[in-house]
């Protein structure tokens, strides 16, 4: 089920955040959507790493620190309204998400597609 309330909770609990679309610098694949605040943004730029603000834990979050699937920050783009960002990143180990398919390989975070006819999720990388 889609969680239409999660963003409202995240914004209420973490004021001063911006959404960040994260894209693989080499393939163009959209990897994930995350959030940043001023502290996380400054750390990401300083360390040249994919560092975000965890809205669920209210703390800095380096993508992949626990799983080992970390990312180098290659480029940062700002949208026309200056209220969202695009990070182009390069996976350090070549993998992407902490979730894994049946083969045990990390996959893209967007591994499910919504079938508009049946309103069901189709797993593209089981």
PDB file of N, CA and C in Angstrom:
ATOM      1  N   UNK A   1       0.832  -1.188   0.000  1.00  0.00           N
ATOM      2  CA  UNK A   1       0.000   0.000   0.000  1.00  0.00           C
ATOM      3  C   UNK A   1       0.873   1.246   0.000  1.00  0.00           C
ATOM      4  N   UNK A   2       0.455   2.230  -0.745  1.00  0.00           N
ATOM      5  CA  UNK A   2       1.162   3.501  -0.764  1.00  0.00           C
ATOM      6  C   UNK A   2       0.887   4.251   0.531  1.00  0.00           C
ATOM      7  N   UNK A   3       1.904   4.914   1.045  1.00  0.00           N
ATOM      8  CA  UNK A   3       1.798   5.642   2.304  1.00  0.00           C
ATOM      9  C   UNK A   3       1.691   7.137   2.021  1.00  0.00           C
ATOM     10  N   UNK A   4       0.458   7.614   1.857  1.00  0.00           N
ATOM     11  CA  UNK A   4       0.232   9.014   1.525  1.00  0.00           C
ATOM     12  C   UNK A   4       0.411   9.942   2.720  1.00  0.00           C
ATOM     13  N   UNK A   5       0.554   9.411   3.901  1.00  0.00           N
ATOM     14  CA  UNK A   5       0.720  10.225   5.101  1.00  0.00           C
ATOM     15  C   UNK A   5       2.180  10.386   5.517  1.00  0.00           C
ATOM     16  N   UNK A   6       3.092   9.583   4.971  1.00  0.00           N
ATOM     17  CA  UNK A   6       4.482   9.581   5.422  1.00  0.00           C
ATOM     18  C   UNK A   6       5.158  10.944   5.251  1.00  0.00           C
ATOM     19  N   UNK A   7       4.958  11.592   4.124  1.00  0.00           N
ATOM     20  CA  UNK A   7       5.598  12.882   3.887  1.00  0.00           C
ATOM     21  C   UNK A   7       5.085  13.939   4.861  1.00  0.00           C
ATOM     22  N   UNK A   8       3.779  13.934   5.122  1.00  0.00           N
ATOM     23  CA  UNK A   8       3.225  14.906   6.070  1.00  0.00           C
ATOM     24  C   UNK A   8       3.855  14.724   7.449  1.00  0.00           C
ATOM     25  N   UNK A   9       4.031  13.455   7.862  1.00  0.00           N
ATOM     26  CA  UNK A   9       4.674  13.174   9.150  1.00  0.00           C
ATOM     27  C   UNK A   9       6.132  13.597   9.123  1.00  0.00           C
ATOM     28  N   UNK A  10       6.814  13.318   8.021  1.00  0.00           N
ATOM     29  CA  UNK A  10       8.237  13.652   7.903  1.00  0.00           C
ATOM     30  C   UNK A  10       8.445  15.157   7.975  1.00  0.00           C
ATOM     31  N   UNK A  11       7.624  15.898   7.261  1.00  0.00           N
ATOM     32  CA  UNK A  11       7.770  17.350   7.229  1.00  0.00           C
ATOM     33  C   UNK A  11       7.432  17.945   8.599  1.00  0.00           C
ATOM     34  N   UNK A  12       6.389  17.424   9.228  1.00  0.00           N
ATOM     35  CA  UNK A  12       6.001  17.943  10.544  1.00  0.00           C
ATOM     36  C   UNK A  12       7.088  17.665  11.575  1.00  0.00           C
ATOM     37  N   UNK A  13       7.728  16.506  11.493  1.00  0.00           N
ATOM     38  CA  UNK A  13       8.744  16.136  12.460  1.00  0.00           C
ATOM     39  C   UNK A  13      10.134  16.630  12.137  1.00  0.00           C
ATOM     40  N   UNK A  14      10.326  17.092  10.918  1.00  0.00           N
ATOM     41  CA  UNK A  14      11.652  17.547  10.479  1.00  0.00           C
ATOM     42  C   UNK A  14      11.523  18.824   9.665  1.00  0.00           C
ATOM     43  N   UNK A  15      11.285  19.945  10.321  1.00  0.00           N
ATOM     44  CA  UNK A  15      11.151  21.197   9.560  1.00  0.00           C
ATOM     45  C   UNK A  15      12.463  21.560   8.865  1.00  0.00           C
ATOM     46  N   UNK A  16      12.344  22.291   7.775  1.00  0.00           N
ATOM     47  CA  UNK A  16      13.526  22.750   7.063  1.00  0.00           C
ATOM     48  C   UNK A  16      14.177  21.688   6.200  1.00  0.00           C
ATOM     49  N   UNK A  17      13.384  20.773   5.648  1.00  0.00           N
ATOM     50  CA  UNK A  17      13.950  19.737   4.787  1.00  0.00           C
ATOM     51  C   UNK A  17      13.576  19.975   3.330  1.00  0.00           C
ATOM     52  N   UNK A  18      14.409  19.449   2.451  1.00  0.00           N
ATOM     53  CA  UNK A  18      14.157  19.474   1.016  1.00  0.00           C
ATOM     54  C   UNK A  18      14.227  18.044   0.494  1.00  0.00           C
ATOM     55  N   UNK A  19      13.373  17.697  -0.492  1.00  0.00           N
ATOM     56  CA  UNK A  19      13.497  16.385  -1.117  1.00  0.00           C
ATOM     57  C   UNK A  19      14.710  16.355  -2.044  1.00  0.00           C
ATOM     58  N   UNK A  20      15.329  15.173  -2.113  1.00  0.00           N
ATOM     59  CA  UNK A  20      16.492  14.968  -2.967  1.00  0.00           C
ATOM     60  C   UNK A  20      16.251  13.739  -3.834  1.00  0.00           C
ATOM     61  N   UNK A  21      16.158  13.932  -5.133  1.00  0.00           N
ATOM     62  CA  UNK A  21      16.137  12.801  -6.061  1.00  0.00           C
ATOM     63  C   UNK A  21      17.588  12.361  -6.227  1.00  0.00           C
ATOM     64  N   UNK A  22      17.814  11.058  -6.187  1.00  0.00           N
ATOM     65  CA  UNK A  22      19.176  10.534  -6.264  1.00  0.00           C
ATOM     66  C   UNK A  22      19.286   9.671  -7.516  1.00  0.00           C
ATOM     67  N   UNK A  23      20.252  10.027  -8.361  1.00  0.00           N
ATOM     68  CA  UNK A  23      20.410   9.381  -9.661  1.00  0.00           C
ATOM     69  C   UNK A  23      21.821   8.833  -9.815  1.00  0.00           C
ATOM     70  N   UNK A  24      21.926   7.644 -10.388  1.00  0.00           N
ATOM     71  CA  UNK A  24      23.227   7.032 -10.672  1.00  0.00           C
ATOM     72  C   UNK A  24      23.916   7.873 -11.744  1.00  0.00           C
ATOM     73  N   UNK A  25      25.103   8.360 -11.464  1.00  0.00           N
ATOM     74  CA  UNK A  25      25.808   9.273 -12.369  1.00  0.00           C
ATOM     75  C   UNK A  25      26.167   8.616 -13.701  1.00  0.00           C
ATOM     76  N   UNK A  26      26.356   7.303 -13.715  1.00  0.00           N
ATOM     77  CA  UNK A  26      26.794   6.630 -14.942  1.00  0.00           C
ATOM     78  C   UNK A  26      25.652   6.076 -15.774  1.00  0.00           C
ATOM     79  N   UNK A  27      24.580   5.600 -15.119  1.00  0.00           N
ATOM     80  CA  UNK A  27      23.494   4.956 -15.860  1.00  0.00           C
ATOM     81  C   UNK A  27      22.266   5.832 -16.024  1.00  0.00           C
ATOM     82  N   UNK A  28      22.153   6.888 -15.205  1.00  0.00           N
ATOM     83  CA  UNK A  28      20.967   7.738 -15.240  1.00  0.00           C
ATOM     84  C   UNK A  28      19.795   7.159 -14.465  1.00  0.00           C
ATOM     85  N   UNK A  29      19.967   5.974 -13.898  1.00  0.00           N
ATOM     86  CA  UNK A  29      18.914   5.314 -13.152  1.00  0.00           C
ATOM     87  C   UNK A  29      18.582   6.113 -11.888  1.00  0.00           C
ATOM     88  N   UNK A  30      17.290   6.301 -11.622  1.00  0.00           N
ATOM     89  CA  UNK A  30      16.867   6.942 -10.384  1.00  0.00           C
ATOM     90  C   UNK A  30      16.973   5.900  -9.279  1.00  0.00           C
ATOM     91  N   UNK A  31      17.755   6.202  -8.270  1.00  0.00           N
ATOM     92  CA  UNK A  31      18.053   5.243  -7.218  1.00  0.00           C
ATOM     93  C   UNK A  31      17.076   5.350  -6.057  1.00  0.00           C
ATOM     94  N   UNK A  32      16.853   6.566  -5.582  1.00  0.00           N
ATOM     95  CA  UNK A  32      15.966   6.742  -4.434  1.00  0.00           C
ATOM     96  C   UNK A  32      15.567   8.192  -4.300  1.00  0.00           C
ATOM     97  N   UNK A  33      14.635   8.435  -3.396  1.00  0.00           N
ATOM     98  CA  UNK A  33      14.239   9.779  -3.008  1.00  0.00           C
ATOM     99  C   UNK A  33      14.530   9.888  -1.524  1.00  0.00           C
ATOM    100  N   UNK A  34      15.236  10.924  -1.145  1.00  0.00           N
ATOM    101  CA  UNK A  34      15.611  11.130   0.251  1.00  0.00           C
ATOM    102  C   UNK A  34      15.362  12.597   0.601  1.00  0.00           C
ATOM    103  N   UNK A  35      15.766  12.974   1.796  1.00  0.00           N
ATOM    104  CA  UNK A  35      15.577  14.350   2.264  1.00  0.00           C
ATOM    105  C   UNK A  35      16.884  14.887   2.822  1.00  0.00           C
ATOM    106  N   UNK A  36      17.032  16.194   2.748  1.00  0.00           N
ATOM    107  CA  UNK A  36      18.191  16.834   3.342  1.00  0.00           C
ATOM    108  C   UNK A  36      17.735  18.074   4.096  1.00  0.00           C
ATOM    109  N   UNK A  37      18.535  18.465   5.063  1.00  0.00           N
ATOM    110  CA  UNK A  37      18.363  19.756   5.715  1.00  0.00           C
ATOM    111  C   UNK A  37      19.712  20.469   5.584  1.00  0.00           C
ATOM    112  N   UNK A  38      19.847  21.624   6.168  1.00  0.00           N
ATOM    113  CA  UNK A  38      21.071  22.396   5.991  1.00  0.00           C
ATOM    114  C   UNK A  38      22.296  21.639   6.496  1.00  0.00           C
ATOM    115  N   UNK A  39      22.189  20.984   7.649  1.00  0.00           N
ATOM    116  CA  UNK A  39      23.308  20.239   8.208  1.00  0.00           C
ATOM    117  C   UNK A  39      23.710  19.073   7.289  1.00  0.00           C
ATOM    118  N   UNK A  40      22.750  18.294   6.858  1.00  0.00           N
ATOM    119  CA  UNK A  40      23.037  17.151   5.989  1.00  0.00           C
ATOM    120  C   UNK A  40      23.605  17.615   4.646  1.00  0.00           C
ATOM    121  N   UNK A  41      23.067  18.718   4.131  1.00  0.00           N
ATOM    122  CA  UNK A  41      23.548  19.257   2.857  1.00  0.00           C
ATOM    123  C   UNK A  41      25.010  19.681   2.976  1.00  0.00           C
ATOM    124  N   UNK A  42      25.329  20.383   4.042  1.00  0.00           N
ATOM    125  CA  UNK A  42      26.715  20.823   4.241  1.00  0.00           C
ATOM    126  C   UNK A  42      27.660  19.635   4.401  1.00  0.00           C
ATOM    127  N   UNK A  43      27.230  18.608   5.131  1.00  0.00           N
ATOM    128  CA  UNK A  43      28.062  17.406   5.310  1.00  0.00           C
ATOM    129  C   UNK A  43      28.265  16.673   3.990  1.00  0.00           C
ATOM    130  N   UNK A  44      27.214  16.573   3.199  1.00  0.00           N
ATOM    131  CA  UNK A  44      27.318  15.906   1.892  1.00  0.00           C
ATOM    132  C   UNK A  44      28.335  16.622   1.013  1.00  0.00           C
ATOM    133  N   UNK A  45      28.261  17.939   0.977  1.00  0.00           N
ATOM    134  CA  UNK A  45      29.206  18.707   0.161  1.00  0.00           C
ATOM    135  C   UNK A  45      30.631  18.600   0.703  1.00  0.00           C
ATOM    136  N   UNK A  46      30.762  18.656   2.003  1.00  0.00           N
ATOM    137  CA  UNK A  46      32.079  18.591   2.639  1.00  0.00           C
ATOM    138  C   UNK A  46      32.737  17.225   2.423  1.00  0.00           C
ATOM    139  N   UNK A  47      31.971  16.162   2.617  1.00  0.00           N
ATOM    140  CA  UNK A  47      32.530  14.815   2.518  1.00  0.00           C
ATOM    141  C   UNK A  47      32.457  14.220   1.111  1.00  0.00           C
ATOM    142  N   UNK A  48      31.693  14.892   0.227  1.00  0.00           N
ATOM    143  CA  UNK A  48      31.465  14.391  -1.134  1.00  0.00           C
ATOM    144  C   UNK A  48      30.896  12.971  -1.088  1.00  0.00           C
ATOM    145  N   UNK A  49      29.904  12.789  -0.194  1.00  0.00           N
ATOM    146  CA  UNK A  49      29.234  11.510   0.018  1.00  0.00           C
ATOM    147  C   UNK A  49      27.723  11.755   0.018  1.00  0.00           C
ATOM    148  N   UNK A  50      26.953  10.713  -0.219  1.00  0.00           N
ATOM    149  CA  UNK A  50      25.489  10.811  -0.180  1.00  0.00           C
ATOM    150  C   UNK A  50      25.044  10.773   1.273  1.00  0.00           C
ATOM    151  N   UNK A  51      24.914  11.957   1.853  1.00  0.00           N
ATOM    152  CA  UNK A  51      24.491  12.098   3.246  1.00  0.00           C
ATOM    153  C   UNK A  51      23.177  12.866   3.245  1.00  0.00           C
ATOM    154  N   UNK A  52      22.215  12.346   3.997  1.00  0.00           N
ATOM    155  CA  UNK A  52      20.871  12.903   4.015  1.00  0.00           C
ATOM    156  C   UNK A  52      20.433  13.138   5.452  1.00  0.00           C
ATOM    157  N   UNK A  53      19.186  13.597   5.588  1.00  0.00           N
ATOM    158  CA  UNK A  53      18.572  13.735   6.893  1.00  0.00           C
ATOM    159  C   UNK A  53      17.520  12.647   7.013  1.00  0.00           C
ATOM    160  N   UNK A  54      17.651  11.799   8.013  1.00  0.00           N
ATOM    161  CA  UNK A  54      16.658  10.757   8.259  1.00  0.00           C
ATOM    162  C   UNK A  54      15.472  11.388   8.965  1.00  0.00           C
ATOM    163  N   UNK A  55      14.331  11.427   8.289  1.00  0.00           N
ATOM    164  CA  UNK A  55      13.135  12.011   8.894  1.00  0.00           C
ATOM    165  C   UNK A  55      12.521  11.079   9.926  1.00  0.00           C
ATOM    166  N   UNK A  56      12.826   9.791   9.859  1.00  0.00           N
ATOM    167  CA  UNK A  56      12.273   8.864  10.849  1.00  0.00           C
ATOM    168  C   UNK A  56      13.103   8.842  12.122  1.00  0.00           C
ATOM    169  N   UNK A  57      14.421   9.069  12.009  1.00  0.00           N
ATOM    170  CA  UNK A  57      15.289   9.039  13.192  1.00  0.00           C
ATOM    171  C   UNK A  57      15.737  10.437  13.628  1.00  0.00           C
ATOM    172  N   UNK A  58      15.455  11.450  12.790  1.00  0.00           N
ATOM    173  CA  UNK A  58      15.887  12.824  13.060  1.00  0.00           C
ATOM    174  C   UNK A  58      17.386  12.906  13.327  1.00  0.00           C
ATOM    175  N   UNK A  59      18.150  12.374  12.366  1.00  0.00           N
ATOM    176  CA  UNK A  59      19.604  12.410  12.468  1.00  0.00           C
ATOM    177  C   UNK A  59      20.227  12.320  11.081  1.00  0.00           C
ATOM    178  N   UNK A  60      21.520  12.640  11.006  1.00  0.00           N
ATOM    179  CA  UNK A  60      22.233  12.480   9.744  1.00  0.00           C
ATOM    180  C   UNK A  60      22.220  11.014   9.343  1.00  0.00           C
ATOM    181  N   UNK A  61      22.126  10.791   8.033  1.00  0.00           N
ATOM    182  CA  UNK A  61      22.065   9.427   7.510  1.00  0.00           C
ATOM    183  C   UNK A  61      22.948   9.352   6.269  1.00  0.00           C
ATOM    184  N   UNK A  62      24.004   8.563   6.353  1.00  0.00           N
ATOM    185  CA  UNK A  62      24.806   8.307   5.160  1.00  0.00           C
ATOM    186  C   UNK A  62      24.243   7.064   4.500  1.00  0.00           C
ATOM    187  N   UNK A  63      23.734   7.217   3.297  1.00  0.00           N
ATOM    188  CA  UNK A  63      23.136   6.097   2.570  1.00  0.00           C
ATOM    189  C   UNK A  63      24.140   4.958   2.460  1.00  0.00           C
ATOM    190  N   UNK A  64      23.736   3.795   2.959  1.00  0.00           N
ATOM    191  CA  UNK A  64      24.544   2.602   2.821  1.00  0.00           C
ATOM    192  C   UNK A  64      25.610   2.395   3.873  1.00  0.00           C
ATOM    193  N   UNK A  65      25.701   3.257   4.857  1.00  0.00           N
ATOM    194  CA  UNK A  65      26.755   3.100   5.868  1.00  0.00           C
ATOM    195  C   UNK A  65      26.661   1.742   6.561  1.00  0.00           C
ATOM    196  N   UNK A  66      25.456   1.305   6.898  1.00  0.00           N
ATOM    197  CA  UNK A  66      25.307   0.020   7.577  1.00  0.00           C
ATOM    198  C   UNK A  66      25.432  -1.164   6.613  1.00  0.00           C
ATOM    199  N   UNK A  67      24.883  -1.040   5.415  1.00  0.00           N
ATOM    200  CA  UNK A  67      24.912  -2.152   4.460  1.00  0.00           C
ATOM    201  C   UNK A  67      26.212  -2.209   3.664  1.00  0.00           C
ATOM    202  N   UNK A  68      26.966  -1.109   3.666  1.00  0.00           N
ATOM    203  CA  UNK A  68      28.183  -1.047   2.858  1.00  0.00           C
ATOM    204  C   UNK A  68      27.945  -0.522   1.459  1.00  0.00           C
ATOM    205  N   UNK A  69      26.685  -0.219   1.120  1.00  0.00           N
ATOM    206  CA  UNK A  69      26.333   0.277  -0.220  1.00  0.00           C
ATOM    207  C   UNK A  69      26.341   1.813  -0.206  1.00  0.00           C
ATOM    208  N   UNK A  70      27.527   2.404  -0.009  1.00  0.00           N
ATOM    209  CA  UNK A  70      27.659   3.858   0.077  1.00  0.00           C
ATOM    210  C   UNK A  70      27.838   4.477  -1.305  1.00  0.00           C
ATOM    211  N   UNK A  71      27.732   5.802  -1.369  1.00  0.00           N
ATOM    212  CA  UNK A  71      27.773   6.526  -2.633  1.00  0.00           C
ATOM    213  C   UNK A  71      28.684   7.746  -2.540  1.00  0.00           C
ATOM    214  N   UNK A  72      29.466   7.956  -3.564  1.00  0.00           N
ATOM    215  CA  UNK A  72      30.210   9.200  -3.715  1.00  0.00           C
ATOM    216  C   UNK A  72      29.287  10.219  -4.380  1.00  0.00           C
ATOM    217  N   UNK A  73      29.319  11.441  -3.906  1.00  0.00           N
ATOM    218  CA  UNK A  73      28.526  12.522  -4.484  1.00  0.00           C
ATOM    219  C   UNK A  73      29.310  13.129  -5.641  1.00  0.00           C
ATOM    220  N   UNK A  74      28.732  13.070  -6.843  1.00  0.00           N
ATOM    221  CA  UNK A  74      29.409  13.529  -8.053  1.00  0.00           C
ATOM    222  C   UNK A  74      28.980  14.947  -8.420  1.00  0.00           C
ATOM    223  N   UNK A  75      27.661  15.205  -8.436  1.00  0.00           N
ATOM    224  CA  UNK A  75      27.118  16.510  -8.814  1.00  0.00           C
ATOM    225  C   UNK A  75      25.863  16.796  -8.003  1.00  0.00           C
ATOM    226  N   UNK A  76      25.585  18.091  -7.822  1.00  0.00           N
ATOM    227  CA  UNK A  76      24.359  18.533  -7.162  1.00  0.00           C
ATOM    228  C   UNK A  76      23.670  19.535  -8.079  1.00  0.00           C
ATOM    229  N   UNK A  77      22.382  19.300  -8.343  1.00  0.00           N
ATOM    230  CA  UNK A  77      21.577  20.201  -9.154  1.00  0.00           C
ATOM    231  C   UNK A  77      20.433  20.747  -8.310  1.00  0.00           C
ATOM    232  N   UNK A  78      20.042  21.990  -8.573  1.00  0.00           N
ATOM    233  CA  UNK A  78      18.967  22.657  -7.850  1.00  0.00           C
ATOM    234  C   UNK A  78      17.849  22.963  -8.839  1.00  0.00           C
ATOM    235  N   UNK A  79      16.597  22.682  -8.454  1.00  0.00           N
ATOM    236  CA  UNK A  79      15.490  22.956  -9.369  1.00  0.00           C
ATOM    237  C   UNK A  79      15.214  24.463  -9.464  1.00  0.00           C
ATOM    238  N   UNK A  80      14.347  24.839 -10.398  1.00  0.00           N
ATOM    239  CA  UNK A  80      14.082  26.249 -10.684  1.00  0.00           C
ATOM    240  C   UNK A  80      13.477  26.999  -9.501  1.00  0.00           C
ATOM    241  N   UNK A  81      12.723  26.324  -8.648  1.00  0.00           N
ATOM    242  CA  UNK A  81      12.109  26.982  -7.492  1.00  0.00           C
ATOM    243  C   UNK A  81      12.982  26.913  -6.240  1.00  0.00           C
ATOM    244  N   UNK A  82      14.136  26.301  -6.370  1.00  0.00           N
ATOM    245  CA  UNK A  82      15.102  26.158  -5.278  1.00  0.00           C
ATOM    246  C   UNK A  82      14.500  25.460  -4.050  1.00  0.00           C
ATOM    247  N   UNK A  83      13.622  24.463  -4.318  1.00  0.00           N
ATOM    248  CA  UNK A  83      13.008  23.729  -3.208  1.00  0.00           C
ATOM    249  C   UNK A  83      13.158  22.214  -3.338  1.00  0.00           C
ATOM    250  N   UNK A  84      14.008  21.771  -4.243  1.00  0.00           N
ATOM    251  CA  UNK A  84      14.356  20.351  -4.318  1.00  0.00           C
ATOM    252  C   UNK A  84      15.706  20.221  -5.012  1.00  0.00           C
ATOM    253  N   UNK A  85      16.329  19.071  -4.790  1.00  0.00           N
ATOM    254  CA  UNK A  85      17.676  18.840  -5.315  1.00  0.00           C
ATOM    255  C   UNK A  85      17.735  17.535  -6.088  1.00  0.00           C
ATOM    256  N   UNK A  86      18.738  17.444  -6.932  1.00  0.00           N
ATOM    257  CA  UNK A  86      19.081  16.200  -7.615  1.00  0.00           C
ATOM    258  C   UNK A  86      20.543  15.932  -7.311  1.00  0.00           C
ATOM    259  N   UNK A  87      20.813  14.783  -6.681  1.00  0.00           N
ATOM    260  CA  UNK A  87      22.188  14.357  -6.450  1.00  0.00           C
ATOM    261  C   UNK A  87      22.524  13.297  -7.482  1.00  0.00           C
ATOM    262  N   UNK A  88      23.610  13.511  -8.193  1.00  0.00           N
ATOM    263  CA  UNK A  88      24.147  12.460  -9.047  1.00  0.00           C
ATOM    264  C   UNK A  88      25.251  11.787  -8.240  1.00  0.00           C
ATOM    265  N   UNK A  89      25.129  10.476  -8.082  1.00  0.00           N
ATOM    266  CA  UNK A  89      26.026   9.727  -7.215  1.00  0.00           C
ATOM    267  C   UNK A  89      26.618   8.534  -7.949  1.00  0.00           C
ATOM    268  N   UNK A  90      27.702   8.027  -7.383  1.00  0.00           N
ATOM    269  CA  UNK A  90      28.331   6.816  -7.915  1.00  0.00           C
ATOM    270  C   UNK A  90      28.486   5.834  -6.768  1.00  0.00           C
ATOM    271  N   UNK A  91      27.866   4.643  -6.893  1.00  0.00           N
ATOM    272  CA  UNK A  91      28.018   3.639  -5.842  1.00  0.00           C
ATOM    273  C   UNK A  91      29.485   3.240  -5.676  1.00  0.00           C
ATOM    274  N   UNK A  92      29.952   3.174  -4.438  1.00  0.00           N
ATOM    275  CA  UNK A  92      31.339   2.826  -4.166  1.00  0.00           C
ATOM    276  C   UNK A  92      31.610   1.368  -4.516  1.00  0.00           C
ATOM    277  N   UNK A  93      30.686   0.466  -4.164  1.00  0.00           N
ATOM    278  CA  UNK A  93      30.876  -0.957  -4.456  1.00  0.00           C
ATOM    279  C   UNK A  93      30.135  -1.405  -5.701  1.00  0.00           C
ATOM    280  N   UNK A  94      29.426  -0.502  -6.341  1.00  0.00           N
ATOM    281  CA  UNK A  94      28.707  -0.871  -7.551  1.00  0.00           C
ATOM    282  C   UNK A  94      27.295  -1.343  -7.323  1.00  0.00           C
ATOM    283  N   UNK A  95      26.842  -1.411  -6.081  1.00  0.00           N
ATOM    284  CA  UNK A  95      25.477  -1.833  -5.786  1.00  0.00           C
ATOM    285  C   UNK A  95      24.669  -0.639  -5.317  1.00  0.00           C
ATOM    286  N   UNK A  96      23.356  -0.832  -5.165  1.00  0.00           N
ATOM    287  CA  UNK A  96      22.508   0.318  -4.937  1.00  0.00           C
ATOM    288  C   UNK A  96      21.744   0.272  -3.621  1.00  0.00           C
ATOM    289  N   UNK A  97      20.846  -0.668  -3.444  1.00  0.00           N
ATOM    290  CA  UNK A  97      19.889  -0.627  -2.340  1.00  0.00           C
ATOM    291  C   UNK A  97      20.204  -1.651  -1.258  1.00  0.00           C
ATOM    292  N   UNK A  98      19.716  -1.382  -0.055  1.00  0.00           N
ATOM    293  CA  UNK A  98      19.882  -2.344   1.038  1.00  0.00           C
ATOM    294  C   UNK A  98      18.951  -3.546   0.877  1.00  0.00           C
ATOM    295  N   UNK A  99      17.893  -3.413   0.056  1.00  0.00           N
ATOM    296  CA  UNK A  99      17.040  -4.571  -0.199  1.00  0.00           C
ATOM    297  C   UNK A  99      17.717  -5.438  -1.250  1.00  0.00           C
ATOM    298  N   UNK A 100      17.454  -6.720  -1.188  1.00  0.00           N
ATOM    299  CA  UNK A 100      18.111  -7.653  -2.107  1.00  0.00           C
ATOM    300  C   UNK A 100      17.066  -8.514  -2.801  1.00  0.00           C
ATOM    301  N   UNK A 101      17.400  -8.952  -4.001  1.00  0.00           N
ATOM    302  CA  UNK A 101      16.509  -9.859  -4.715  1.00  0.00           C
ATOM    303  C   UNK A 101      16.758 -11.293  -4.247  1.00  0.00           C
ATOM    304  N   UNK A 102      16.069 -12.255  -4.849  1.00  0.00           N
ATOM    305  CA  UNK A 102      16.222 -13.662  -4.442  1.00  0.00           C
ATOM    306  C   UNK A 102      17.640 -14.168  -4.589  1.00  0.00           C
ATOM    307  N   UNK A 103      18.383 -13.611  -5.548  1.00  0.00           N
ATOM    308  CA  UNK A 103      19.768 -14.028  -5.768  1.00  0.00           C
ATOM    309  C   UNK A 103      20.718 -13.422  -4.735  1.00  0.00           C
ATOM    310  N   UNK A 104      20.187 -12.525  -3.883  1.00  0.00           N
ATOM    311  CA  UNK A 104      21.012 -11.897  -2.856  1.00  0.00           C
ATOM    312  C   UNK A 104      21.737 -10.654  -3.328  1.00  0.00           C
ATOM    313  N   UNK A 105      21.395 -10.168  -4.512  1.00  0.00           N
ATOM    314  CA  UNK A 105      22.038  -8.995  -5.093  1.00  0.00           C
ATOM    315  C   UNK A 105      21.262  -7.729  -4.729  1.00  0.00           C
ATOM    316  N   UNK A 106      21.944  -6.688  -4.251  1.00  0.00           N
ATOM    317  CA  UNK A 106      21.235  -5.423  -4.008  1.00  0.00           C
ATOM    318  C   UNK A 106      20.610  -4.918  -5.307  1.00  0.00           C
ATOM    319  N   UNK A 107      19.442  -4.350  -5.189  1.00  0.00           N
ATOM    320  CA  UNK A 107      18.722  -3.884  -6.369  1.00  0.00           C
ATOM    321  C   UNK A 107      18.443  -2.396  -6.263  1.00  0.00           C
ATOM    322  N   UNK A 108      17.806  -1.858  -7.275  1.00  0.00           N
ATOM    323  CA  UNK A 108      17.347  -0.486  -7.293  1.00  0.00           C
ATOM    324  C   UNK A 108      16.203  -0.348  -6.294  1.00  0.00           C
ATOM    325  N   UNK A 109      16.132   0.775  -5.574  1.00  0.00           N
ATOM    326  CA  UNK A 109      15.045   0.985  -4.614  1.00  0.00           C
ATOM    327  C   UNK A 109      13.680   1.050  -5.303  1.00  0.00           C
ATOM    328  N   UNK A 110      13.646   1.398  -6.569  1.00  0.00           N
ATOM    329  CA  UNK A 110      12.397   1.452  -7.327  1.00  0.00           C
ATOM    330  C   UNK A 110      12.235   0.152  -8.122  1.00  0.00           C
ATOM    331  N   UNK A 111      12.159  -0.962  -7.420  1.00  0.00           N
ATOM    332  CA  UNK A 111      12.084  -2.264  -8.080  1.00  0.00           C
ATOM    333  C   UNK A 111      10.654  -2.750  -8.292  1.00  0.00           C
ATOM    334  N   UNK A 112       9.676  -1.963  -7.871  1.00  0.00           N
ATOM    335  CA  UNK A 112       8.271  -2.327  -8.085  1.00  0.00           C
ATOM    336  C   UNK A 112       7.596  -1.292  -8.966  1.00  0.00           C
ATOM    337  N   UNK A 113       6.769  -1.797  -9.875  1.00  0.00           N
ATOM    338  CA  UNK A 113       6.018  -0.913 -10.779  1.00  0.00           C
ATOM    339  C   UNK A 113       4.538  -1.106 -10.489  1.00  0.00           C
ATOM    340  N   UNK A 114       3.801  -0.004 -10.497  1.00  0.00           N
ATOM    341  CA  UNK A 114       2.363  -0.051 -10.287  1.00  0.00           C
ATOM    342  C   UNK A 114       1.676  -0.377 -11.605  1.00  0.00           C
ATOM    343  N   UNK A 115       0.880  -1.420 -11.606  1.00  0.00           N
ATOM    344  CA  UNK A 115       0.070  -1.759 -12.775  1.00  0.00           C
ATOM    345  C   UNK A 115      -1.226  -0.960 -12.648  1.00  0.00           C
ATOM    346  N   UNK A 116      -1.446   0.036 -13.518  1.00  0.00           N
ATOM    347  CA  UNK A 116      -2.624   0.896 -13.368  1.00  0.00           C
ATOM    348  C   UNK A 116      -3.944   0.182 -13.641  1.00  0.00           C
ATOM    349  N   UNK A 117      -3.900  -0.933 -14.361  1.00  0.00           N
ATOM    350  CA  UNK A 117      -5.136  -1.666 -14.649  1.00  0.00           C
ATOM    351  C   UNK A 117      -5.610  -2.462 -13.440  1.00  0.00           C
ATOM    352  N   UNK A 118      -4.682  -3.051 -12.708  1.00  0.00           N
ATOM    353  CA  UNK A 118      -5.052  -3.886 -11.559  1.00  0.00           C
ATOM    354  C   UNK A 118      -4.783  -3.201 -10.226  1.00  0.00           C
ATOM    355  N   UNK A 119      -4.050  -2.073 -10.266  1.00  0.00           N
ATOM    356  CA  UNK A 119      -3.642  -1.339  -9.067  1.00  0.00           C
ATOM    357  C   UNK A 119      -2.822  -2.223  -8.125  1.00  0.00           C
ATOM    358  N   UNK A 120      -2.034  -3.115  -8.713  1.00  0.00           N
ATOM    359  CA  UNK A 120      -1.145  -3.969  -7.935  1.00  0.00           C
ATOM    360  C   UNK A 120       0.293  -3.631  -8.267  1.00  0.00           C
ATOM    361  N   UNK A 121       1.181  -3.969  -7.339  1.00  0.00           N
ATOM    362  CA  UNK A 121       2.605  -3.750  -7.552  1.00  0.00           C
ATOM    363  C   UNK A 121       3.204  -4.976  -8.224  1.00  0.00           C
ATOM    364  N   UNK A 122       4.012  -4.722  -9.263  1.00  0.00           N
ATOM    365  CA  UNK A 122       4.723  -5.782  -9.957  1.00  0.00           C
ATOM    366  C   UNK A 122       6.190  -5.708  -9.568  1.00  0.00           C
ATOM    367  N   UNK A 123       6.733  -6.787  -9.051  1.00  0.00           N
ATOM    368  CA  UNK A 123       8.140  -6.833  -8.662  1.00  0.00           C
ATOM    369  C   UNK A 123       8.972  -7.042  -9.921  1.00  0.00           C
ATOM    370  N   UNK A 124       9.812  -6.067 -10.253  1.00  0.00           N
ATOM    371  CA  UNK A 124      10.632  -6.138 -11.465  1.00  0.00           C
ATOM    372  C   UNK A 124      11.963  -6.840 -11.235  1.00  0.00           C
ATOM    373  N   UNK A 125      12.311  -7.056  -9.975  1.00  0.00           N
ATOM    374  CA  UNK A 125      13.585  -7.702  -9.637  1.00  0.00           C
ATOM    375  C   UNK A 125      13.389  -8.611  -8.426  1.00  0.00           C
ATOM    376  N   UNK A 126      12.607  -9.697  -8.631  1.00  0.00           N
ATOM    377  CA  UNK A 126      12.257 -10.563  -7.491  1.00  0.00           C
ATOM    378  C   UNK A 126      13.480 -11.257  -6.889  1.00  0.00           C
TER     379      UNK A 126
END
